[in-house]
Amino acid sequence: MTKEIQEWYKMPSIKECLVEYEKQDIGLIADIAKHGCSGGVSGITYYSETDAFYDEHQEELWEMIRQHSDDAGLKNGEFLQHISPDPGSLTQLRNDFVWWGVEVRAQELQDDSPAAGTKS
């Protein structure tokens, strides 16, 4: 990992990570919000990177899962099936959690931005 990537993913919250990601011209929050992470997001593409991101942000990710489970009227385990329907390993599960959490936070940032109401 490059120094820039290490810095952006170590911010205190996932939203702050995304702001730093865009600030450093690594990528665009709007692209993550629209296209997700599966196309490749610098710094959380490989399992080693998503494992490190998970370790850094697992408390926030689990809080997000609890909140979204409650909002959907589901138990955590039921909701997890929507995030990772058939993980082949703990590593794949953690990867799915990270990508889901980053995508959700990117969408929230987009929804909160002043330009969110305009069409391009």
PDB file of N, CA and C in Angstrom:
ATOM      1  N   MET A   1       0.828  -1.188   0.000  1.00  0.00           N
ATOM      2  CA  MET A   1       0.000   0.000   0.000  1.00  0.00           C
ATOM      3  C   MET A   1       0.869   1.248   0.000  1.00  0.00           C
ATOM      4  N   THR A   2       0.380   2.234  -0.710  1.00  0.00           N
ATOM      5  CA  THR A   2       1.104   3.494  -0.708  1.00  0.00           C
ATOM      6  C   THR A   2       0.753   4.283   0.546  1.00  0.00           C
ATOM      7  N   LYS A   3       1.555   5.289   0.835  1.00  0.00           N
ATOM      8  CA  LYS A   3       1.318   6.107   2.020  1.00  0.00           C
ATOM      9  C   LYS A   3      -0.046   6.790   1.954  1.00  0.00           C
ATOM     10  N   GLU A   4      -0.430   7.313   0.780  1.00  0.00           N
ATOM     11  CA  GLU A   4      -1.716   7.989   0.636  1.00  0.00           C
ATOM     12  C   GLU A   4      -2.876   7.078   1.004  1.00  0.00           C
ATOM     13  N   ILE A   5      -2.839   5.858   0.511  1.00  0.00           N
ATOM     14  CA  ILE A   5      -3.929   4.927   0.771  1.00  0.00           C
ATOM     15  C   ILE A   5      -3.982   4.590   2.256  1.00  0.00           C
ATOM     16  N   GLN A   6      -2.840   4.384   2.871  1.00  0.00           N
ATOM     17  CA  GLN A   6      -2.833   4.102   4.300  1.00  0.00           C
ATOM     18  C   GLN A   6      -3.459   5.258   5.063  1.00  0.00           C
ATOM     19  N   GLU A   7      -3.167   6.475   4.666  1.00  0.00           N
ATOM     20  CA  GLU A   7      -3.712   7.631   5.366  1.00  0.00           C
ATOM     21  C   GLU A   7      -5.218   7.731   5.202  1.00  0.00           C
ATOM     22  N   TRP A   8      -5.731   7.519   3.990  1.00  0.00           N
ATOM     23  CA  TRP A   8      -7.170   7.739   3.815  1.00  0.00           C
ATOM     24  C   TRP A   8      -7.995   6.694   4.528  1.00  0.00           C
ATOM     25  N   TYR A   9      -7.562   5.476   4.581  1.00  0.00           N
ATOM     26  CA  TYR A   9      -8.409   4.456   5.208  1.00  0.00           C
ATOM     27  C   TYR A   9      -8.281   4.428   6.729  1.00  0.00           C
ATOM     28  N   LYS A  10      -7.352   5.191   7.265  1.00  0.00           N
ATOM     29  CA  LYS A  10      -7.178   5.228   8.721  1.00  0.00           C
ATOM     30  C   LYS A  10      -7.870   6.423   9.373  1.00  0.00           C
ATOM     31  N   MET A  11      -8.675   7.144   8.628  1.00  0.00           N
ATOM     32  CA  MET A  11      -9.422   8.253   9.220  1.00  0.00           C
ATOM     33  C   MET A  11     -10.408   7.661  10.244  1.00  0.00           C
ATOM     34  N   PRO A  12     -10.874   8.482  11.201  1.00  0.00           N
ATOM     35  CA  PRO A  12     -11.713   7.962  12.289  1.00  0.00           C
ATOM     36  C   PRO A  12     -13.050   7.348  11.862  1.00  0.00           C
ATOM     37  N   SER A  13     -13.650   7.840  10.779  1.00  0.00           N
ATOM     38  CA  SER A  13     -14.933   7.279  10.346  1.00  0.00           C
ATOM     39  C   SER A  13     -14.873   6.984   8.852  1.00  0.00           C
ATOM     40  N   ILE A  14     -15.809   6.181   8.400  1.00  0.00           N
ATOM     41  CA  ILE A  14     -15.836   5.827   6.978  1.00  0.00           C
ATOM     42  C   ILE A  14     -16.134   7.064   6.138  1.00  0.00           C
ATOM     43  N   LYS A  15     -17.021   7.928   6.596  1.00  0.00           N
ATOM     44  CA  LYS A  15     -17.289   9.164   5.843  1.00  0.00           C
ATOM     45  C   LYS A  15     -16.027  10.014   5.739  1.00  0.00           C
ATOM     46  N   GLU A  16     -15.285  10.128   6.834  1.00  0.00           N
ATOM     47  CA  GLU A  16     -14.040  10.894   6.794  1.00  0.00           C
ATOM     48  C   GLU A  16     -13.020  10.238   5.864  1.00  0.00           C
ATOM     49  N   CYS A  17     -13.021   8.920   5.820  1.00  0.00           N
ATOM     50  CA  CYS A  17     -12.152   8.205   4.882  1.00  0.00           C
ATOM     51  C   CYS A  17     -12.482   8.598   3.451  1.00  0.00           C
ATOM     52  N   LEU A  18     -13.765   8.623   3.150  1.00  0.00           N
ATOM     53  CA  LEU A  18     -14.186   8.953   1.790  1.00  0.00           C
ATOM     54  C   LEU A  18     -13.853  10.390   1.421  1.00  0.00           C
ATOM     55  N   VAL A  19     -14.031  11.296   2.348  1.00  0.00           N
ATOM     56  CA  VAL A  19     -13.678  12.694   2.090  1.00  0.00           C
ATOM     57  C   VAL A  19     -12.173  12.805   1.816  1.00  0.00           C
ATOM     58  N   GLU A  20     -11.374  12.115   2.602  1.00  0.00           N
ATOM     59  CA  GLU A  20      -9.915  12.123   2.398  1.00  0.00           C
ATOM     60  C   GLU A  20      -9.544  11.450   1.077  1.00  0.00           C
ATOM     61  N   TYR A  21     -10.223  10.376   0.741  1.00  0.00           N
ATOM     62  CA  TYR A  21     -10.019   9.650  -0.529  1.00  0.00           C
ATOM     63  C   TYR A  21     -10.187  10.609  -1.703  1.00  0.00           C
ATOM     64  N   GLU A  22     -11.246  11.405  -1.648  1.00  0.00           N
ATOM     65  CA  GLU A  22     -11.504  12.353  -2.740  1.00  0.00           C
ATOM     66  C   GLU A  22     -10.549  13.545  -2.665  1.00  0.00           C
ATOM     67  N   LYS A  23     -10.270  14.021  -1.475  1.00  0.00           N
ATOM     68  CA  LYS A  23      -9.373  15.161  -1.288  1.00  0.00           C
ATOM     69  C   LYS A  23      -7.991  14.880  -1.863  1.00  0.00           C
ATOM     70  N   GLN A  24      -7.521  13.647  -1.726  1.00  0.00           N
ATOM     71  CA  GLN A  24      -6.205  13.270  -2.221  1.00  0.00           C
ATOM     72  C   GLN A  24      -6.229  12.891  -3.710  1.00  0.00           C
ATOM     73  N   ASP A  25      -7.354  13.100  -4.366  1.00  0.00           N
ATOM     74  CA  ASP A  25      -7.515  12.785  -5.797  1.00  0.00           C
ATOM     75  C   ASP A  25      -7.255  11.310  -6.112  1.00  0.00           C
ATOM     76  N   ILE A  26      -7.608  10.453  -5.169  1.00  0.00           N
ATOM     77  CA  ILE A  26      -7.473   9.015  -5.410  1.00  0.00           C
ATOM     78  C   ILE A  26      -8.674   8.534  -6.211  1.00  0.00           C
ATOM     79  N   GLY A  27      -9.835   9.100  -5.955  1.00  0.00           N
ATOM     80  CA  GLY A  27     -11.064   8.733  -6.647  1.00  0.00           C
ATOM     81  C   GLY A  27     -12.193   9.643  -6.213  1.00  0.00           C
ATOM     82  N   LEU A  28     -13.387   9.359  -6.730  1.00  0.00           N
ATOM     83  CA  LEU A  28     -14.545  10.200  -6.473  1.00  0.00           C
ATOM     84  C   LEU A  28     -15.598   9.468  -5.643  1.00  0.00           C
ATOM     85  N   ILE A  29     -16.118  10.151  -4.649  1.00  0.00           N
ATOM     86  CA  ILE A  29     -17.198   9.603  -3.833  1.00  0.00           C
ATOM     87  C   ILE A  29     -18.398   9.287  -4.719  1.00  0.00           C
ATOM     88  N   ALA A  30     -18.688  10.167  -5.660  1.00  0.00           N
ATOM     89  CA  ALA A  30     -19.844   9.975  -6.555  1.00  0.00           C
ATOM     90  C   ALA A  30     -19.738   8.672  -7.336  1.00  0.00           C
ATOM     91  N   ASP A  31     -18.532   8.309  -7.745  1.00  0.00           N
ATOM     92  CA  ASP A  31     -18.348   7.055  -8.485  1.00  0.00           C
ATOM     93  C   ASP A  31     -18.658   5.851  -7.603  1.00  0.00           C
ATOM     94  N   ILE A  32     -18.216   5.904  -6.349  1.00  0.00           N
ATOM     95  CA  ILE A  32     -18.502   4.799  -5.423  1.00  0.00           C
ATOM     96  C   ILE A  32     -19.995   4.738  -5.149  1.00  0.00           C
ATOM     97  N   ALA A  33     -20.610   5.901  -4.927  1.00  0.00           N
ATOM     98  CA  ALA A  33     -22.050   5.949  -4.641  1.00  0.00           C
ATOM     99  C   ALA A  33     -22.852   5.384  -5.809  1.00  0.00           C
ATOM    100  N   LYS A  34     -22.428   5.669  -7.014  1.00  0.00           N
ATOM    101  CA  LYS A  34     -23.180   5.246  -8.199  1.00  0.00           C
ATOM    102  C   LYS A  34     -22.855   3.828  -8.651  1.00  0.00           C
ATOM    103  N   HIS A  35     -21.570   3.472  -8.627  1.00  0.00           N
ATOM    104  CA  HIS A  35     -21.136   2.200  -9.215  1.00  0.00           C
ATOM    105  C   HIS A  35     -20.722   1.134  -8.203  1.00  0.00           C
ATOM    106  N   GLY A  36     -20.582   1.523  -6.936  1.00  0.00           N
ATOM    107  CA  GLY A  36     -20.168   0.564  -5.927  1.00  0.00           C
ATOM    108  C   GLY A  36     -18.665   0.344  -5.922  1.00  0.00           C
ATOM    109  N   CYS A  37     -18.240  -0.643  -5.182  1.00  0.00           N
ATOM    110  CA  CYS A  37     -16.815  -0.922  -5.006  1.00  0.00           C
ATOM    111  C   CYS A  37     -16.311  -2.066  -5.882  1.00  0.00           C
ATOM    112  N   SER A  38     -17.197  -2.858  -6.434  1.00  0.00           N
ATOM    113  CA  SER A  38     -16.756  -4.064  -7.145  1.00  0.00           C
ATOM    114  C   SER A  38     -15.925  -3.760  -8.389  1.00  0.00           C
ATOM    115  N   GLY A  39     -16.050  -2.559  -8.933  1.00  0.00           N
ATOM    116  CA  GLY A  39     -15.239  -2.188 -10.092  1.00  0.00           C
ATOM    117  C   GLY A  39     -13.822  -1.810  -9.722  1.00  0.00           C
ATOM    118  N   GLY A  40     -13.553  -1.715  -8.432  1.00  0.00           N
ATOM    119  CA  GLY A  40     -12.224  -1.389  -7.961  1.00  0.00           C
ATOM    120  C   GLY A  40     -12.169   0.000  -7.356  1.00  0.00           C
ATOM    121  N   VAL A  41     -11.824   0.057  -6.095  1.00  0.00           N
ATOM    122  CA  VAL A  41     -11.613   1.310  -5.389  1.00  0.00           C
ATOM    123  C   VAL A  41     -10.209   1.235  -4.814  1.00  0.00           C
ATOM    124  N   SER A  42      -9.368   2.136  -5.238  1.00  0.00           N
ATOM    125  CA  SER A  42      -7.978   2.120  -4.803  1.00  0.00           C
ATOM    126  C   SER A  42      -7.902   2.107  -3.284  1.00  0.00           C
ATOM    127  N   GLY A  43      -7.250   1.085  -2.750  1.00  0.00           N
ATOM    128  CA  GLY A  43      -7.091   0.964  -1.302  1.00  0.00           C
ATOM    129  C   GLY A  43      -8.006  -0.051  -0.651  1.00  0.00           C
ATOM    130  N   ILE A  44      -9.073  -0.451  -1.366  1.00  0.00           N
ATOM    131  CA  ILE A  44      -9.943  -1.520  -0.844  1.00  0.00           C
ATOM    132  C   ILE A  44     -10.355  -2.463  -1.977  1.00  0.00           C
ATOM    133  N   THR A  45      -9.383  -2.795  -2.800  1.00  0.00           N
ATOM    134  CA  THR A  45      -9.621  -3.702  -3.919  1.00  0.00           C
ATOM    135  C   THR A  45      -9.266  -5.139  -3.551  1.00  0.00           C
ATOM    136  N   TYR A  46      -8.153  -5.312  -2.911  1.00  0.00           N
ATOM    137  CA  TYR A  46      -7.647  -6.646  -2.581  1.00  0.00           C
ATOM    138  C   TYR A  46      -8.045  -7.042  -1.165  1.00  0.00           C
ATOM    139  N   TYR A  47      -8.107  -8.353  -0.927  1.00  0.00           N
ATOM    140  CA  TYR A  47      -8.498  -8.838   0.394  1.00  0.00           C
ATOM    141  C   TYR A  47      -7.603  -8.290   1.502  1.00  0.00           C
ATOM    142  N   SER A  48      -6.308  -8.165   1.250  1.00  0.00           N
ATOM    143  CA  SER A  48      -5.415  -7.624   2.285  1.00  0.00           C
ATOM    144  C   SER A  48      -5.823  -6.194   2.647  1.00  0.00           C
ATOM    145  N   GLU A  49      -6.294  -5.443   1.666  1.00  0.00           N
ATOM    146  CA  GLU A  49      -6.720  -4.071   1.907  1.00  0.00           C
ATOM    147  C   GLU A  49      -8.071  -4.018   2.624  1.00  0.00           C
ATOM    148  N   THR A  50      -9.013  -4.853   2.189  1.00  0.00           N
ATOM    149  CA  THR A  50     -10.318  -4.834   2.854  1.00  0.00           C
ATOM    150  C   THR A  50     -10.218  -5.399   4.274  1.00  0.00           C
ATOM    151  N   ASP A  51      -9.307  -6.349   4.496  1.00  0.00           N
ATOM    152  CA  ASP A  51      -9.075  -6.847   5.857  1.00  0.00           C
ATOM    153  C   ASP A  51      -8.565  -5.725   6.760  1.00  0.00           C
ATOM    154  N   ALA A  52      -7.615  -4.943   6.259  1.00  0.00           N
ATOM    155  CA  ALA A  52      -7.064  -3.835   7.041  1.00  0.00           C
ATOM    156  C   ALA A  52      -8.143  -2.778   7.293  1.00  0.00           C
ATOM    157  N   PHE A  53      -8.954  -2.484   6.294  1.00  0.00           N
ATOM    158  CA  PHE A  53     -10.035  -1.509   6.451  1.00  0.00           C
ATOM    159  C   PHE A  53     -11.046  -2.012   7.471  1.00  0.00           C
ATOM    160  N   TYR A  54     -11.394  -3.292   7.382  1.00  0.00           N
ATOM    161  CA  TYR A  54     -12.331  -3.885   8.345  1.00  0.00           C
ATOM    162  C   TYR A  54     -11.785  -3.759   9.768  1.00  0.00           C
ATOM    163  N   ASP A  55     -10.519  -4.102   9.951  1.00  0.00           N
ATOM    164  CA  ASP A  55      -9.916  -4.015  11.283  1.00  0.00           C
ATOM    165  C   ASP A  55     -10.000  -2.593  11.827  1.00  0.00           C
ATOM    166  N   GLU A  56      -9.818  -1.626  10.964  1.00  0.00           N
ATOM    167  CA  GLU A  56      -9.835  -0.217  11.371  1.00  0.00           C
ATOM    168  C   GLU A  56     -11.254   0.283  11.686  1.00  0.00           C
ATOM    169  N   HIS A  57     -12.268  -0.263  10.995  1.00  0.00           N
ATOM    170  CA  HIS A  57     -13.621   0.297  11.078  1.00  0.00           C
ATOM    171  C   HIS A  57     -14.703  -0.714  11.472  1.00  0.00           C
ATOM    172  N   GLN A  58     -14.311  -1.835  12.073  1.00  0.00           N
ATOM    173  CA  GLN A  58     -15.300  -2.870  12.363  1.00  0.00           C
ATOM    174  C   GLN A  58     -16.411  -2.405  13.297  1.00  0.00           C
ATOM    175  N   GLU A  59     -16.112  -1.573  14.270  1.00  0.00           N
ATOM    176  CA  GLU A  59     -17.165  -1.109  15.184  1.00  0.00           C
ATOM    177  C   GLU A  59     -18.217  -0.299  14.427  1.00  0.00           C
ATOM    178  N   GLU A  60     -17.780   0.592  13.550  1.00  0.00           N
ATOM    179  CA  GLU A  60     -18.721   1.387  12.770  1.00  0.00           C
ATOM    180  C   GLU A  60     -19.514   0.500  11.816  1.00  0.00           C
ATOM    181  N   LEU A  61     -18.845  -0.462  11.193  1.00  0.00           N
ATOM    182  CA  LEU A  61     -19.542  -1.366  10.272  1.00  0.00           C
ATOM    183  C   LEU A  61     -20.640  -2.146  10.991  1.00  0.00           C
ATOM    184  N   TRP A  62     -20.335  -2.659  12.189  1.00  0.00           N
ATOM    185  CA  TRP A  62     -21.342  -3.418  12.935  1.00  0.00           C
ATOM    186  C   TRP A  62     -22.470  -2.529  13.420  1.00  0.00           C
ATOM    187  N   GLU A  63     -22.162  -1.291  13.765  1.00  0.00           N
ATOM    188  CA  GLU A  63     -23.217  -0.356  14.154  1.00  0.00           C
ATOM    189  C   GLU A  63     -24.122  -0.079  12.950  1.00  0.00           C
ATOM    190  N   MET A  64     -23.534   0.065  11.775  1.00  0.00           N
ATOM    191  CA  MET A  64     -24.325   0.260  10.551  1.00  0.00           C
ATOM    192  C   MET A  64     -25.227  -0.941  10.299  1.00  0.00           C
ATOM    193  N   ILE A  65     -24.681  -2.136  10.473  1.00  0.00           N
ATOM    194  CA  ILE A  65     -25.460  -3.358  10.264  1.00  0.00           C
ATOM    195  C   ILE A  65     -26.635  -3.396  11.240  1.00  0.00           C
ATOM    196  N   ARG A  66     -26.372  -3.080  12.515  1.00  0.00           N
ATOM    197  CA  ARG A  66     -27.460  -3.070  13.503  1.00  0.00           C
ATOM    198  C   ARG A  66     -28.534  -2.053  13.119  1.00  0.00           C
ATOM    199  N   GLN A  67     -28.117  -0.872  12.732  1.00  0.00           N
ATOM    200  CA  GLN A  67     -29.079   0.176  12.375  1.00  0.00           C
ATOM    201  C   GLN A  67     -29.904  -0.223  11.153  1.00  0.00           C
ATOM    202  N   HIS A  68     -29.241  -0.718  10.123  1.00  0.00           N
ATOM    203  CA  HIS A  68     -29.958  -1.103   8.911  1.00  0.00           C
ATOM    204  C   HIS A  68     -30.850  -2.319   9.151  1.00  0.00           C
ATOM    205  N   SER A  69     -30.412  -3.229  10.015  1.00  0.00           N
ATOM    206  CA  SER A  69     -31.251  -4.378  10.387  1.00  0.00           C
ATOM    207  C   SER A  69     -32.518  -3.898  11.075  1.00  0.00           C
ATOM    208  N   ASP A  70     -32.343  -3.021  12.042  1.00  0.00           N
ATOM    209  CA  ASP A  70     -33.496  -2.473  12.772  1.00  0.00           C
ATOM    210  C   ASP A  70     -34.439  -1.745  11.815  1.00  0.00           C
ATOM    211  N   ASP A  71     -33.871  -0.915  10.951  1.00  0.00           N
ATOM    212  CA  ASP A  71     -34.688  -0.149   9.995  1.00  0.00           C
ATOM    213  C   ASP A  71     -35.486  -1.063   9.070  1.00  0.00           C
ATOM    214  N   ALA A  72     -34.901  -2.218   8.743  1.00  0.00           N
ATOM    215  CA  ALA A  72     -35.562  -3.165   7.848  1.00  0.00           C
ATOM    216  C   ALA A  72     -36.462  -4.143   8.603  1.00  0.00           C
ATOM    217  N   GLY A  73     -36.448  -4.068   9.940  1.00  0.00           N
ATOM    218  CA  GLY A  73     -37.249  -4.989  10.738  1.00  0.00           C
ATOM    219  C   GLY A  73     -36.713  -6.411  10.706  1.00  0.00           C
ATOM    220  N   LEU A  74     -35.407  -6.543  10.563  1.00  0.00           N
ATOM    221  CA  LEU A  74     -34.771  -7.858  10.476  1.00  0.00           C
ATOM    222  C   LEU A  74     -33.797  -8.057  11.627  1.00  0.00           C
ATOM    223  N   LYS A  75     -33.509  -9.307  11.927  1.00  0.00           N
ATOM    224  CA  LYS A  75     -32.435  -9.627  12.851  1.00  0.00           C
ATOM    225  C   LYS A  75     -31.122  -9.406  12.101  1.00  0.00           C
ATOM    226  N   ASN A  76     -30.047  -9.174  12.845  1.00  0.00           N
ATOM    227  CA  ASN A  76     -28.749  -8.923  12.209  1.00  0.00           C
ATOM    228  C   ASN A  76     -28.376 -10.017  11.215  1.00  0.00           C
ATOM    229  N   GLY A  77     -28.546 -11.271  11.630  1.00  0.00           N
ATOM    230  CA  GLY A  77     -28.183 -12.390  10.759  1.00  0.00           C
ATOM    231  C   GLY A  77     -28.978 -12.413   9.465  1.00  0.00           C
ATOM    232  N   GLU A  78     -30.263 -12.065   9.565  1.00  0.00           N
ATOM    233  CA  GLU A  78     -31.095 -12.003   8.360  1.00  0.00           C
ATOM    234  C   GLU A  78     -30.602 -10.899   7.430  1.00  0.00           C
ATOM    235  N   PHE A  79     -30.244  -9.763   8.007  1.00  0.00           N
ATOM    236  CA  PHE A  79     -29.777  -8.645   7.192  1.00  0.00           C
ATOM    237  C   PHE A  79     -28.432  -8.965   6.554  1.00  0.00           C
ATOM    238  N   LEU A  80     -27.579  -9.679   7.282  1.00  0.00           N
ATOM    239  CA  LEU A  80     -26.256 -10.024   6.751  1.00  0.00           C
ATOM    240  C   LEU A  80     -26.358 -10.803   5.446  1.00  0.00           C
ATOM    241  N   GLN A  81     -27.424 -11.568   5.285  1.00  0.00           N
ATOM    242  CA  GLN A  81     -27.608 -12.327   4.043  1.00  0.00           C
ATOM    243  C   GLN A  81     -27.795 -11.410   2.847  1.00  0.00           C
ATOM    244  N   HIS A  82     -28.247 -10.179   3.088  1.00  0.00           N
ATOM    245  CA  HIS A  82     -28.384  -9.216   1.998  1.00  0.00           C
ATOM    246  C   HIS A  82     -27.029  -8.624   1.617  1.00  0.00           C
ATOM    247  N   ILE A  83     -26.126  -8.543   2.577  1.00  0.00           N
ATOM    248  CA  ILE A  83     -24.794  -7.991   2.331  1.00  0.00           C
ATOM    249  C   ILE A  83     -23.889  -9.040   1.706  1.00  0.00           C
ATOM    250  N   SER A  84     -23.944 -10.236   2.232  1.00  0.00           N
ATOM    251  CA  SER A  84     -23.052 -11.309   1.792  1.00  0.00           C
ATOM    252  C   SER A  84     -23.835 -12.626   1.751  1.00  0.00           C
ATOM    253  N   PRO A  85     -24.529 -12.887   0.632  1.00  0.00           N
ATOM    254  CA  PRO A  85     -25.431 -14.036   0.563  1.00  0.00           C
ATOM    255  C   PRO A  85     -24.764 -15.401   0.716  1.00  0.00           C
ATOM    256  N   ASP A  86     -23.539 -15.544   0.242  1.00  0.00           N
ATOM    257  CA  ASP A  86     -22.914 -16.864   0.288  1.00  0.00           C
ATOM    258  C   ASP A  86     -21.394 -16.737   0.345  1.00  0.00           C
ATOM    259  N   PRO A  87     -20.868 -16.187   1.448  1.00  0.00           N
ATOM    260  CA  PRO A  87     -19.408 -16.019   1.518  1.00  0.00           C
ATOM    261  C   PRO A  87     -18.715 -17.371   1.605  1.00  0.00           C
ATOM    262  N   GLY A  88     -17.598 -17.485   0.910  1.00  0.00           N
ATOM    263  CA  GLY A  88     -16.835 -18.726   0.926  1.00  0.00           C
ATOM    264  C   GLY A  88     -15.811 -18.776   2.046  1.00  0.00           C
ATOM    265  N   SER A  89     -15.605 -17.642   2.690  1.00  0.00           N
ATOM    266  CA  SER A  89     -14.627 -17.578   3.778  1.00  0.00           C
ATOM    267  C   SER A  89     -14.886 -16.329   4.614  1.00  0.00           C
ATOM    268  N   LEU A  90     -14.255 -16.276   5.764  1.00  0.00           N
ATOM    269  CA  LEU A  90     -14.345 -15.094   6.617  1.00  0.00           C
ATOM    270  C   LEU A  90     -13.768 -13.882   5.880  1.00  0.00           C
ATOM    271  N   THR A  91     -12.736 -14.097   5.108  1.00  0.00           N
ATOM    272  CA  THR A  91     -12.120 -13.012   4.336  1.00  0.00           C
ATOM    273  C   THR A  91     -13.114 -12.433   3.340  1.00  0.00           C
ATOM    274  N   GLN A  92     -13.856 -13.288   2.647  1.00  0.00           N
ATOM    275  CA  GLN A  92     -14.861 -12.801   1.698  1.00  0.00           C
ATOM    276  C   GLN A  92     -15.990 -12.063   2.427  1.00  0.00           C
ATOM    277  N   LEU A  93     -16.377 -12.564   3.579  1.00  0.00           N
ATOM    278  CA  LEU A  93     -17.419 -11.912   4.373  1.00  0.00           C
ATOM    279  C   LEU A  93     -16.974 -10.507   4.786  1.00  0.00           C
ATOM    280  N   ARG A  94     -15.758 -10.401   5.291  1.00  0.00           N
ATOM    281  CA  ARG A  94     -15.231  -9.093   5.696  1.00  0.00           C
ATOM    282  C   ARG A  94     -15.149  -8.156   4.492  1.00  0.00           C
ATOM    283  N   ASN A  95     -14.734  -8.672   3.359  1.00  0.00           N
ATOM    284  CA  ASN A  95     -14.666  -7.883   2.127  1.00  0.00           C
ATOM    285  C   ASN A  95     -16.054  -7.337   1.777  1.00  0.00           C
ATOM    286  N   ASP A  96     -17.053  -8.202   1.828  1.00  0.00           N
ATOM    287  CA  ASP A  96     -18.420  -7.775   1.522  1.00  0.00           C
ATOM    288  C   ASP A  96     -18.903  -6.706   2.496  1.00  0.00           C
ATOM    289  N   PHE A  97     -18.574  -6.858   3.789  1.00  0.00           N
ATOM    290  CA  PHE A  97     -18.951  -5.864   4.789  1.00  0.00           C
ATOM    291  C   PHE A  97     -18.331  -4.506   4.458  1.00  0.00           C
ATOM    292  N   VAL A  98     -17.048  -4.516   4.141  1.00  0.00           N
ATOM    293  CA  VAL A  98     -16.343  -3.262   3.845  1.00  0.00           C
ATOM    294  C   VAL A  98     -16.945  -2.594   2.622  1.00  0.00           C
ATOM    295  N   TRP A  99     -17.112  -3.345   1.550  1.00  0.00           N
ATOM    296  CA  TRP A  99     -17.649  -2.739   0.333  1.00  0.00           C
ATOM    297  C   TRP A  99     -19.052  -2.196   0.578  1.00  0.00           C
ATOM    298  N   TRP A 100     -19.881  -2.945   1.287  1.00  0.00           N
ATOM    299  CA  TRP A 100     -21.233  -2.477   1.596  1.00  0.00           C
ATOM    300  C   TRP A 100     -21.172  -1.186   2.407  1.00  0.00           C
ATOM    301  N   GLY A 101     -20.363  -1.178   3.472  1.00  0.00           N
ATOM    302  CA  GLY A 101     -20.272  -0.002   4.333  1.00  0.00           C
ATOM    303  C   GLY A 101     -19.761   1.227   3.601  1.00  0.00           C
ATOM    304  N   VAL A 102     -18.768   1.058   2.774  1.00  0.00           N
ATOM    305  CA  VAL A 102     -18.215   2.177   2.004  1.00  0.00           C
ATOM    306  C   VAL A 102     -19.258   2.684   1.006  1.00  0.00           C
ATOM    307  N   GLU A 103     -19.954   1.775   0.352  1.00  0.00           N
ATOM    308  CA  GLU A 103     -20.986   2.172  -0.609  1.00  0.00           C
ATOM    309  C   GLU A 103     -22.120   2.930   0.083  1.00  0.00           C
ATOM    310  N   VAL A 104     -22.565   2.445   1.234  1.00  0.00           N
ATOM    311  CA  VAL A 104     -23.643   3.107   1.981  1.00  0.00           C
ATOM    312  C   VAL A 104     -23.206   4.510   2.401  1.00  0.00           C
ATOM    313  N   ARG A 105     -22.009   4.625   2.959  1.00  0.00           N
ATOM    314  CA  ARG A 105     -21.530   5.942   3.400  1.00  0.00           C
ATOM    315  C   ARG A 105     -21.333   6.884   2.209  1.00  0.00           C
ATOM    316  N   ALA A 106     -20.872   6.379   1.079  1.00  0.00           N
ATOM    317  CA  ALA A 106     -20.713   7.214  -0.122  1.00  0.00           C
ATOM    318  C   ALA A 106     -22.079   7.719  -0.586  1.00  0.00           C
ATOM    319  N   GLN A 107     -23.075   6.853  -0.549  1.00  0.00           N
ATOM    320  CA  GLN A 107     -24.427   7.266  -0.941  1.00  0.00           C
ATOM    321  C   GLN A 107     -24.980   8.307   0.033  1.00  0.00           C
ATOM    322  N   GLU A 108     -24.707   8.128   1.315  1.00  0.00           N
ATOM    323  CA  GLU A 108     -25.152   9.116   2.301  1.00  0.00           C
ATOM    324  C   GLU A 108     -24.493  10.474   2.057  1.00  0.00           C
ATOM    325  N   LEU A 109     -23.201  10.460   1.761  1.00  0.00           N
ATOM    326  CA  LEU A 109     -22.505  11.712   1.467  1.00  0.00           C
ATOM    327  C   LEU A 109     -23.076  12.375   0.224  1.00  0.00           C
ATOM    328  N   GLN A 110     -23.381  11.586  -0.782  1.00  0.00           N
ATOM    329  CA  GLN A 110     -23.969  12.132  -2.002  1.00  0.00           C
ATOM    330  C   GLN A 110     -25.344  12.726  -1.709  1.00  0.00           C
ATOM    331  N   ASP A 111     -26.128  12.034  -0.914  1.00  0.00           N
ATOM    332  CA  ASP A 111     -27.472  12.526  -0.566  1.00  0.00           C
ATOM    333  C   ASP A 111     -27.397  13.825   0.238  1.00  0.00           C
ATOM    334  N   ASP A 112     -26.325  13.985   1.031  1.00  0.00           N
ATOM    335  CA  ASP A 112     -26.160  15.166   1.864  1.00  0.00           C
ATOM    336  C   ASP A 112     -25.527  16.342   1.132  1.00  0.00           C
ATOM    337  N   SER A 113     -24.943  16.099  -0.043  1.00  0.00           N
ATOM    338  CA  SER A 113     -24.231  17.166  -0.742  1.00  0.00           C
ATOM    339  C   SER A 113     -25.218  18.133  -1.398  1.00  0.00           C
ATOM    340  N   PRO A 114     -24.856  19.418  -1.462  1.00  0.00           N
ATOM    341  CA  PRO A 114     -25.735  20.419  -2.060  1.00  0.00           C
ATOM    342  C   PRO A 114     -26.064  20.121  -3.525  1.00  0.00           C
ATOM    343  N   ALA A 115     -25.146  19.490  -4.236  1.00  0.00           N
ATOM    344  CA  ALA A 115     -25.366  19.197  -5.650  1.00  0.00           C
ATOM    345  C   ALA A 115     -26.214  17.950  -5.857  1.00  0.00           C
ATOM    346  N   ALA A 116     -26.572  17.246  -4.776  1.00  0.00           N
ATOM    347  CA  ALA A 116     -27.308  15.996  -4.904  1.00  0.00           C
ATOM    348  C   ALA A 116     -28.657  16.198  -5.563  1.00  0.00           C
ATOM    349  N   GLY A 117     -29.253  17.368  -5.401  1.00  0.00           N
ATOM    350  CA  GLY A 117     -30.562  17.623  -5.975  1.00  0.00           C
ATOM    351  C   GLY A 117     -30.539  18.011  -7.447  1.00  0.00           C
ATOM    352  N   THR A 118     -29.337  18.235  -7.997  1.00  0.00           N
ATOM    353  CA  THR A 118     -29.243  18.632  -9.393  1.00  0.00           C
ATOM    354  C   THR A 118     -28.891  17.443 -10.258  1.00  0.00           C
ATOM    355  N   LYS A 119     -29.334  17.495 -11.499  1.00  0.00           N
ATOM    356  CA  LYS A 119     -29.006  16.416 -12.435  1.00  0.00           C
ATOM    357  C   LYS A 119     -27.926  16.903 -13.382  1.00  0.00           C
ATOM    358  N   SER A 120     -27.006  16.019 -13.702  1.00  0.00           N
ATOM    359  CA  SER A 120     -25.956  16.402 -14.633  1.00  0.00           C
ATOM    360  C   SER A 120     -26.190  15.823 -15.999  1.00  0.00           C
TER     361      SER A 120
END
